[in-house]
Amino acid sequence: MIDTKINIAGVDFKNPIITASGTFGFGREYSRFYDLSILGGICTKGLTLEPREGNPSPRVAETPSGILNSVGLQNPGIDAFIENERDFLKSAGTVIIANIAGNTIENYCAAVEKISNTDCVDMIELNISCPNVKEGGIAFGVDCASAEKVVSNVKKFAKKPLIVKLSPNVSSISSIAKAVEAAGADAISLINTLGGMAIDYKTRRPILANVYGGLSGPAVKPVALKMTHEVFKAVKVPVIGMGGISTAEDILEFLIAGASVIQIGTVNFFDPNAGKNLVGDLTRFLSELKINDINELIGSLVV
């Protein structure tokens, strides 16, 4: 028997495969393809205190080996999420992580306090790549001081283990990781999307209505793998890796680099059965490698 169970901050995952925020909705659509209980976990679409309509269209563009998006955190708000998704998620049979976004510290705190009180969520993932409207629109997660400030304040209201999701658009991601660890993060997830754009050469106009977007998919994997390893070396809390993962080999690489669990994102768009298939593929690979406990792999990179 191969043991694929992993514990993060007191939460047990049956395997290391979690669906990434913004790529899986709240799971309903994908539940028509396979039994969601096979997954290690589901990270919900980003939630804000109040409903958001998001950015104007077009807001998704395909690129070589990836996609650009500027969806703008379209979501129904936390109250509607709890009312409409609670029962479904409670019956999903897997770990549920609520991704939370905000644009002020007060907004983040109120959102986390509210989501902490629902019984369908096991953990909270804090997206600190959102702009701080009180500081000229600079994202919380690109500066050590602002990242530490928002996490330390939010931690007071978090009744569930707190994961902090980091942006790769920084000069030193390990410094940001240390700052949020010091502020009370129970785990760190990375990477969020890389900044990018696409242009229609015929019209000489940007393809995205918002001009710039976030790049995800296989193209970002080498960057994500490097940053995962850097953060693993820098902190003591568990690391959740993501960025371009689409195969079981990718998962093994991230675990070896230091990730305790991983998230799959863009692959869900081009293969709705990816989660189910990767669980089976990963188990087969572990068997072929004669690894009986997946925890043996975590951080085992030889340099």
Foldseek 3Di string as FASTA:
>chain_A
DFQQWFDFPNDIFSHQEEADAPFQALPPVLVVVDQLLLGREYEHHEAFQAADQFDDPPAWDDDVQWIWGRRGSGDHHDVVCCVPPQVVLQPSNHAYEYEYEDQALVRLQVRQLVVQPRPSHAEYEYEQQFFNVVVVGHGQQQDLVSLLVSLLSNVVRHPHQYEYEHELPYPANLSNLVSNVVSPHSEYEDDWFDKDWAADVVVRHTNGPVRIGGIAALVCLVVQLVNLLSNQVRDDHAYEGEGHDQALVSQLSSQLSAHSHYHYGPNCVVPVCRRVVRSVRNVVVCVVVVRRYSNVRHNNDDD
